[in-house]
Amino acid sequence: MKKFTSYLLLIVLLLAVLASNSCKQASKANNPSKQVTAVIVPDVNPSNGLNRHPSHIKYSKHAQCRMACRHIDAAEIQDILENGTINYKKSELQGEDCSKKYAVEGYSKDNQHLRIIFAPCADEVTVVTCIDIGREWACDCK
């Protein structure tokens, strides 16, 4: 009989703990002020350092030569910067902020598969070079 009473007491205690936990959970669900919610804040700079909308875009002499040779205009460069995909394997992201280079790929309006190398620094981005992935061009750019 003593054993039966001990088991019964243990079962009653277990039920009391379970009931208490379920009441706490119900209380949290009914009281939104105490509810913990996750807030997802969009990353201000989703490209980890590449400003997709800089105040100024500069073009290196090499980039200007490649653009002329490969028939790439400034509007296509802007479009790749804003909408292209960063190729992290071709990017150089080590070092200080102004020494990083981002290889951004996309398609131009005339369907050229381009890789543009951008070097951001502060609120300015320099176009280092332009590569037509799908075609070899006979350019004499040094």
N, C-alpha and C. Protein backbone atom coordinates (compact mmCIF):
# COMPACT_ATOMS: atom_id res chain seq x y z
N MET A 1 0.80 -1.19 0.00
CA MET A 1 0.00 0.00 0.00
C MET A 1 0.86 1.27 0.00
N LYS A 2 1.97 1.22 0.73
CA LYS A 2 2.86 2.35 0.77
C LYS A 2 3.44 2.64 -0.60
N LYS A 3 3.75 1.57 -1.33
CA LYS A 3 4.30 1.71 -2.68
C LYS A 3 3.29 2.36 -3.61
N PHE A 4 2.05 1.94 -3.50
CA PHE A 4 0.98 2.48 -4.33
C PHE A 4 0.80 3.98 -4.06
N THR A 5 0.86 4.37 -2.80
CA THR A 5 0.71 5.77 -2.41
C THR A 5 1.87 6.60 -2.96
N SER A 6 3.08 6.07 -2.93
CA SER A 6 4.25 6.78 -3.45
C SER A 6 4.12 7.01 -4.95
N TYR A 7 3.70 5.97 -5.68
CA TYR A 7 3.51 6.11 -7.13
C TYR A 7 2.40 7.11 -7.45
N LEU A 8 1.33 7.04 -6.68
CA LEU A 8 0.22 7.96 -6.89
C LEU A 8 0.64 9.40 -6.65
N LEU A 9 1.43 9.62 -5.59
CA LEU A 9 1.93 10.96 -5.29
C LEU A 9 2.86 11.45 -6.40
N LEU A 10 3.70 10.57 -6.91
CA LEU A 10 4.61 10.92 -7.99
C LEU A 10 3.85 11.30 -9.26
N ILE A 11 2.80 10.57 -9.57
CA ILE A 11 1.97 10.85 -10.76
C ILE A 11 1.26 12.20 -10.60
N VAL A 12 0.74 12.46 -9.40
CA VAL A 12 0.04 13.73 -9.14
C VAL A 12 1.01 14.90 -9.30
N LEU A 13 2.24 14.77 -8.77
CA LEU A 13 3.24 15.82 -8.90
C LEU A 13 3.62 16.05 -10.37
N LEU A 14 3.79 14.98 -11.11
CA LEU A 14 4.11 15.08 -12.53
C LEU A 14 3.00 15.80 -13.29
N LEU A 15 1.76 15.46 -13.01
CA LEU A 15 0.63 16.13 -13.65
C LEU A 15 0.56 17.61 -13.28
N ALA A 16 0.91 17.93 -12.05
CA ALA A 16 0.91 19.33 -11.60
C ALA A 16 1.96 20.14 -12.35
N VAL A 17 3.14 19.55 -12.54
CA VAL A 17 4.22 20.24 -13.28
C VAL A 17 3.81 20.44 -14.73
N LEU A 18 3.25 19.43 -15.36
CA LEU A 18 2.80 19.55 -16.75
C LEU A 18 1.72 20.60 -16.89
N ALA A 19 0.77 20.62 -15.96
CA ALA A 19 -0.31 21.60 -16.00
C ALA A 19 0.24 23.00 -15.82
N SER A 20 1.21 23.16 -14.94
CA SER A 20 1.82 24.47 -14.70
C SER A 20 2.54 24.97 -15.95
N ASN A 21 3.27 24.10 -16.62
CA ASN A 21 3.98 24.49 -17.85
C ASN A 21 3.02 24.87 -18.96
N SER A 22 1.95 24.12 -19.10
CA SER A 22 0.99 24.45 -20.17
C SER A 22 0.27 25.76 -19.87
N CYS A 23 0.04 26.07 -18.59
CA CYS A 23 -0.57 27.35 -18.24
C CYS A 23 0.37 28.51 -18.56
N LYS A 24 1.67 28.32 -18.29
CA LYS A 24 2.65 29.36 -18.59
C LYS A 24 2.70 29.62 -20.10
N GLN A 25 2.69 28.56 -20.91
CA GLN A 25 2.73 28.72 -22.36
C GLN A 25 1.48 29.40 -22.86
N ALA A 26 0.33 29.04 -22.32
CA ALA A 26 -0.93 29.67 -22.72
C ALA A 26 -0.93 31.13 -22.33
N SER A 27 -0.37 31.45 -21.17
CA SER A 27 -0.30 32.83 -20.70
C SER A 27 0.58 33.66 -21.63
N LYS A 28 1.70 33.10 -22.07
CA LYS A 28 2.59 33.81 -23.00
C LYS A 28 1.90 34.05 -24.33
N ALA A 29 1.14 33.09 -24.81
CA ALA A 29 0.45 33.23 -26.10
C ALA A 29 -0.63 34.29 -26.02
N ASN A 30 -1.26 34.44 -24.86
CA ASN A 30 -2.33 35.42 -24.71
C ASN A 30 -1.83 36.80 -24.33
N ASN A 31 -0.56 36.93 -23.99
CA ASN A 31 0.00 38.21 -23.59
C ASN A 31 1.10 38.60 -24.56
N PRO A 32 0.78 39.28 -25.65
CA PRO A 32 1.78 39.58 -26.67
C PRO A 32 2.88 40.50 -26.18
N SER A 33 2.66 41.27 -25.13
CA SER A 33 3.70 42.17 -24.65
C SER A 33 4.89 41.40 -24.08
N LYS A 34 4.64 40.19 -23.61
CA LYS A 34 5.72 39.38 -23.06
C LYS A 34 6.23 38.35 -24.05
N GLN A 35 5.63 38.31 -25.22
CA GLN A 35 6.02 37.33 -26.22
C GLN A 35 7.32 37.77 -26.89
N VAL A 36 8.22 36.83 -27.11
CA VAL A 36 9.46 37.13 -27.79
C VAL A 36 9.26 36.90 -29.28
N THR A 37 9.57 37.91 -30.06
CA THR A 37 9.43 37.76 -31.51
C THR A 37 10.75 38.10 -32.17
N ALA A 38 11.04 37.43 -33.24
CA ALA A 38 12.25 37.70 -34.00
C ALA A 38 11.94 38.79 -35.02
N VAL A 39 12.80 39.78 -35.05
CA VAL A 39 12.64 40.86 -36.02
C VAL A 39 13.77 40.75 -37.02
N ILE A 40 13.44 40.62 -38.27
CA ILE A 40 14.45 40.52 -39.31
C ILE A 40 14.64 41.90 -39.90
N VAL A 41 15.83 42.44 -39.71
CA VAL A 41 16.15 43.76 -40.23
C VAL A 41 16.96 43.56 -41.50
N PRO A 42 16.51 44.12 -42.61
CA PRO A 42 17.27 43.94 -43.83
C PRO A 42 18.65 44.55 -43.71
N ASP A 43 19.64 43.86 -44.25
CA ASP A 43 21.01 44.34 -44.24
C ASP A 43 21.07 45.60 -45.10
N VAL A 44 21.61 46.67 -44.52
CA VAL A 44 21.70 47.92 -45.25
C VAL A 44 22.58 47.75 -46.48
N ASN A 45 23.59 46.92 -46.38
CA ASN A 45 24.50 46.68 -47.49
C ASN A 45 24.60 45.19 -47.73
N PRO A 46 23.64 44.60 -48.48
CA PRO A 46 23.61 43.16 -48.64
C PRO A 46 24.80 42.59 -49.39
N SER A 47 25.54 43.43 -50.06
CA SER A 47 26.66 42.93 -50.83
C SER A 47 27.97 42.97 -50.05
N ASN A 48 27.88 43.19 -48.75
CA ASN A 48 29.05 43.18 -47.88
C ASN A 48 30.14 44.13 -48.33
N GLY A 49 29.80 45.38 -48.59
CA GLY A 49 30.81 46.38 -48.91
C GLY A 49 30.70 46.97 -50.29
N LEU A 50 29.97 46.37 -51.20
CA LEU A 50 29.82 46.94 -52.53
C LEU A 50 28.59 47.83 -52.54
N ASN A 51 28.83 49.12 -52.74
CA ASN A 51 27.73 50.08 -52.82
C ASN A 51 27.11 49.97 -54.22
N ARG A 52 25.90 49.46 -54.29
CA ARG A 52 25.24 49.26 -55.58
C ARG A 52 24.68 50.56 -56.15
N HIS A 53 24.63 51.61 -55.34
CA HIS A 53 24.10 52.91 -55.79
C HIS A 53 25.04 54.03 -55.34
N PRO A 54 26.27 54.06 -55.87
CA PRO A 54 27.22 55.08 -55.42
C PRO A 54 26.84 56.46 -55.96
N SER A 55 27.38 57.49 -55.31
CA SER A 55 27.11 58.84 -55.79
C SER A 55 27.90 59.13 -57.06
N HIS A 56 28.99 58.37 -57.28
CA HIS A 56 29.82 58.62 -58.46
C HIS A 56 30.48 57.31 -58.91
N ILE A 57 30.54 57.09 -60.22
CA ILE A 57 31.26 55.95 -60.78
C ILE A 57 32.40 56.49 -61.61
N LYS A 58 33.62 56.04 -61.28
CA LYS A 58 34.81 56.41 -62.05
C LYS A 58 35.19 55.24 -62.93
N TYR A 59 35.87 55.53 -64.02
CA TYR A 59 36.33 54.50 -64.95
C TYR A 59 37.83 54.62 -65.12
N SER A 60 38.56 53.53 -64.85
CA SER A 60 40.00 53.54 -65.09
C SER A 60 40.24 53.62 -66.60
N LYS A 61 41.43 54.04 -66.98
CA LYS A 61 41.76 54.11 -68.42
C LYS A 61 41.65 52.72 -69.05
N HIS A 62 42.07 51.70 -68.31
CA HIS A 62 41.98 50.33 -68.80
C HIS A 62 40.52 49.95 -69.04
N ALA A 63 39.65 50.29 -68.09
CA ALA A 63 38.23 49.97 -68.24
C ALA A 63 37.63 50.71 -69.43
N GLN A 64 38.01 51.97 -69.61
CA GLN A 64 37.49 52.75 -70.75
C GLN A 64 37.91 52.12 -72.07
N CYS A 65 39.15 51.64 -72.14
CA CYS A 65 39.64 50.97 -73.35
C CYS A 65 38.86 49.68 -73.60
N ARG A 66 38.69 48.88 -72.55
CA ARG A 66 37.95 47.61 -72.68
C ARG A 66 36.49 47.86 -73.06
N MET A 67 35.89 48.87 -72.50
CA MET A 67 34.50 49.19 -72.82
C MET A 67 34.37 49.57 -74.30
N ALA A 68 35.29 50.38 -74.79
CA ALA A 68 35.23 50.80 -76.20
C ALA A 68 35.44 49.60 -77.12
N CYS A 69 36.41 48.78 -76.80
CA CYS A 69 36.73 47.61 -77.62
C CYS A 69 35.59 46.60 -77.64
N ARG A 70 34.93 46.43 -76.51
CA ARG A 70 33.91 45.39 -76.36
C ARG A 70 32.49 45.91 -76.49
N HIS A 71 32.37 47.17 -76.88
CA HIS A 71 31.06 47.79 -77.13
C HIS A 71 30.16 47.72 -75.89
N ILE A 72 30.71 48.16 -74.78
CA ILE A 72 29.98 48.21 -73.51
C ILE A 72 29.83 49.67 -73.13
N ASP A 73 28.60 50.10 -72.83
CA ASP A 73 28.42 51.51 -72.47
C ASP A 73 28.19 51.67 -70.96
N ALA A 74 28.18 52.92 -70.52
CA ALA A 74 28.04 53.23 -69.10
C ALA A 74 26.71 52.74 -68.52
N ALA A 75 25.65 52.76 -69.32
CA ALA A 75 24.34 52.29 -68.85
C ALA A 75 24.40 50.79 -68.54
N GLU A 76 25.13 50.04 -69.35
CA GLU A 76 25.27 48.59 -69.11
C GLU A 76 26.10 48.34 -67.85
N ILE A 77 27.13 49.15 -67.63
CA ILE A 77 27.94 49.04 -66.42
C ILE A 77 27.06 49.30 -65.19
N GLN A 78 26.26 50.36 -65.26
CA GLN A 78 25.36 50.72 -64.16
C GLN A 78 24.37 49.59 -63.88
N ASP A 79 23.83 48.99 -64.94
CA ASP A 79 22.87 47.90 -64.78
C ASP A 79 23.51 46.68 -64.12
N ILE A 80 24.73 46.34 -64.53
CA ILE A 80 25.43 45.19 -63.92
C ILE A 80 25.73 45.50 -62.45
N LEU A 81 26.15 46.73 -62.15
CA LEU A 81 26.42 47.11 -60.76
C LEU A 81 25.18 46.95 -59.90
N GLU A 82 24.04 47.43 -60.39
CA GLU A 82 22.81 47.40 -59.60
C GLU A 82 22.17 46.02 -59.53
N ASN A 83 22.25 45.24 -60.61
CA ASN A 83 21.49 43.99 -60.69
C ASN A 83 22.31 42.73 -60.84
N GLY A 84 23.61 42.86 -61.04
CA GLY A 84 24.45 41.70 -61.28
C GLY A 84 24.69 40.87 -60.02
N THR A 85 25.32 39.73 -60.22
CA THR A 85 25.63 38.79 -59.13
C THR A 85 27.12 38.83 -58.85
N ILE A 86 27.47 38.95 -57.57
CA ILE A 86 28.89 38.96 -57.21
C ILE A 86 29.45 37.55 -57.33
N ASN A 87 30.55 37.42 -58.09
CA ASN A 87 31.27 36.15 -58.19
C ASN A 87 32.39 36.22 -57.16
N TYR A 88 32.17 35.60 -56.00
CA TYR A 88 33.13 35.70 -54.91
C TYR A 88 34.44 34.97 -55.24
N LYS A 89 34.41 33.99 -56.12
CA LYS A 89 35.63 33.29 -56.50
C LYS A 89 36.56 34.19 -57.30
N LYS A 90 36.00 35.14 -58.05
CA LYS A 90 36.80 36.05 -58.87
C LYS A 90 37.05 37.39 -58.19
N SER A 91 36.45 37.61 -57.03
CA SER A 91 36.61 38.86 -56.29
C SER A 91 37.83 38.80 -55.39
N GLU A 92 38.36 39.98 -55.06
CA GLU A 92 39.50 40.10 -54.14
C GLU A 92 39.03 40.93 -52.96
N LEU A 93 38.65 40.26 -51.87
CA LEU A 93 38.01 40.95 -50.76
C LEU A 93 38.89 41.05 -49.52
N GLN A 94 40.16 40.72 -49.64
CA GLN A 94 41.08 40.83 -48.51
C GLN A 94 41.62 42.26 -48.44
N GLY A 95 42.03 42.68 -47.27
CA GLY A 95 42.65 43.99 -47.11
C GLY A 95 41.67 45.07 -46.69
N GLU A 96 42.13 46.29 -46.81
CA GLU A 96 41.33 47.46 -46.41
C GLU A 96 40.16 47.66 -47.35
N ASP A 97 39.18 48.43 -46.89
CA ASP A 97 37.96 48.66 -47.67
C ASP A 97 38.25 49.15 -49.09
N CYS A 98 39.13 50.13 -49.24
CA CYS A 98 39.37 50.72 -50.56
C CYS A 98 40.27 49.87 -51.45
N SER A 99 40.75 48.73 -50.95
CA SER A 99 41.57 47.86 -51.79
C SER A 99 40.80 46.63 -52.28
N LYS A 100 39.54 46.52 -51.89
CA LYS A 100 38.74 45.36 -52.29
C LYS A 100 38.24 45.53 -53.72
N LYS A 101 38.12 44.39 -54.40
CA LYS A 101 37.60 44.38 -55.77
C LYS A 101 36.51 43.32 -55.87
N TYR A 102 35.38 43.74 -56.45
CA TYR A 102 34.23 42.87 -56.60
C TYR A 102 34.03 42.53 -58.08
N ALA A 103 33.98 41.24 -58.38
CA ALA A 103 33.69 40.77 -59.74
C ALA A 103 32.18 40.55 -59.81
N VAL A 104 31.50 41.39 -60.58
CA VAL A 104 30.05 41.33 -60.67
C VAL A 104 29.67 40.91 -62.08
N GLU A 105 28.81 39.90 -62.18
CA GLU A 105 28.46 39.33 -63.48
C GLU A 105 26.99 39.52 -63.79
N GLY A 106 26.72 39.62 -65.09
CA GLY A 106 25.35 39.74 -65.55
C GLY A 106 25.34 39.85 -67.07
N TYR A 107 24.16 40.10 -67.62
CA TYR A 107 24.01 40.19 -69.07
C TYR A 107 23.66 41.62 -69.46
N SER A 108 24.30 42.09 -70.53
CA SER A 108 24.04 43.43 -71.03
C SER A 108 22.76 43.43 -71.87
N LYS A 109 22.36 44.63 -72.32
CA LYS A 109 21.13 44.74 -73.11
C LYS A 109 21.24 44.00 -74.44
N ASP A 110 22.48 43.84 -74.96
CA ASP A 110 22.65 43.09 -76.21
C ASP A 110 23.13 41.66 -75.93
N ASN A 111 22.84 41.18 -74.71
CA ASN A 111 23.04 39.79 -74.31
C ASN A 111 24.51 39.36 -74.21
N GLN A 112 25.40 40.30 -73.93
CA GLN A 112 26.78 39.93 -73.65
C GLN A 112 26.85 39.47 -72.19
N HIS A 113 27.53 38.35 -71.96
CA HIS A 113 27.73 37.88 -70.59
C HIS A 113 28.97 38.58 -70.06
N LEU A 114 28.77 39.53 -69.15
CA LEU A 114 29.85 40.40 -68.71
C LEU A 114 30.25 40.13 -67.26
N ARG A 115 31.53 40.36 -67.00
CA ARG A 115 32.06 40.42 -65.64
C ARG A 115 32.73 41.77 -65.52
N ILE A 116 32.24 42.57 -64.61
CA ILE A 116 32.79 43.90 -64.38
C ILE A 116 33.48 43.88 -63.02
N ILE A 117 34.71 44.39 -62.97
CA ILE A 117 35.44 44.46 -61.71
C ILE A 117 35.27 45.87 -61.15
N PHE A 118 34.66 45.94 -59.97
CA PHE A 118 34.40 47.21 -59.29
C PHE A 118 35.28 47.32 -58.05
N ALA A 119 35.83 48.52 -57.83
CA ALA A 119 36.63 48.81 -56.63
C ALA A 119 35.94 49.94 -55.87
N PRO A 120 35.17 49.62 -54.83
CA PRO A 120 34.48 50.66 -54.09
C PRO A 120 35.39 51.34 -53.06
N CYS A 121 35.16 52.62 -52.87
CA CYS A 121 35.87 53.36 -51.83
C CYS A 121 34.96 54.51 -51.40
N ALA A 122 34.55 54.47 -50.16
CA ALA A 122 33.59 55.45 -49.61
C ALA A 122 32.31 55.40 -50.44
N ASP A 123 31.85 56.54 -50.95
CA ASP A 123 30.61 56.56 -51.72
C ASP A 123 30.89 56.65 -53.22
N GLU A 124 32.03 56.08 -53.60
CA GLU A 124 32.43 56.11 -55.01
C GLU A 124 32.86 54.71 -55.42
N VAL A 125 32.62 54.36 -56.67
CA VAL A 125 33.02 53.05 -57.18
C VAL A 125 33.83 53.27 -58.46
N THR A 126 34.96 52.59 -58.55
CA THR A 126 35.78 52.65 -59.76
C THR A 126 35.62 51.36 -60.54
N VAL A 127 35.38 51.50 -61.85
CA VAL A 127 35.34 50.34 -62.74
C VAL A 127 36.79 50.07 -63.14
N VAL A 128 37.30 48.90 -62.75
CA VAL A 128 38.69 48.54 -63.01
C VAL A 128 38.85 47.96 -64.40
N THR A 129 37.97 47.01 -64.76
CA THR A 129 38.01 46.40 -66.08
C THR A 129 36.66 45.77 -66.40
N CYS A 130 36.49 45.43 -67.67
CA CYS A 130 35.26 44.80 -68.16
C CYS A 130 35.66 43.56 -68.96
N ILE A 131 35.02 42.47 -68.68
CA ILE A 131 35.34 41.21 -69.34
C ILE A 131 34.07 40.67 -70.00
N ASP A 132 34.19 40.30 -71.26
CA ASP A 132 33.10 39.62 -71.97
C ASP A 132 33.39 38.13 -71.82
N ILE A 133 32.63 37.46 -70.99
CA ILE A 133 32.88 36.05 -70.67
C ILE A 133 32.66 35.16 -71.88
N GLY A 134 31.76 35.52 -72.76
CA GLY A 134 31.41 34.66 -73.87
C GLY A 134 32.19 34.86 -75.15
N ARG A 135 33.09 35.88 -75.18
CA ARG A 135 33.76 36.17 -76.44
C ARG A 135 35.14 36.78 -76.20
N GLU A 136 36.09 36.37 -77.01
CA GLU A 136 37.43 36.97 -76.99
C GLU A 136 37.44 38.16 -77.94
N TRP A 137 37.97 39.27 -77.49
CA TRP A 137 38.08 40.48 -78.31
C TRP A 137 39.55 40.79 -78.54
N ALA A 138 39.86 41.31 -79.68
CA ALA A 138 41.23 41.70 -80.00
C ALA A 138 41.44 43.15 -79.56
N CYS A 139 41.61 43.33 -78.26
CA CYS A 139 41.81 44.67 -77.70
C CYS A 139 43.29 44.86 -77.41
N ASP A 140 43.75 46.10 -77.59
CA ASP A 140 45.14 46.41 -77.27
C ASP A 140 45.16 47.35 -76.05
N CYS A 141 44.60 46.88 -74.95
CA CYS A 141 44.52 47.67 -73.72
C CYS A 141 45.59 47.16 -72.77
N LYS A 142 46.40 48.04 -72.28
CA LYS A 142 47.46 47.64 -71.35
C LYS A 142 47.05 47.94 -69.94
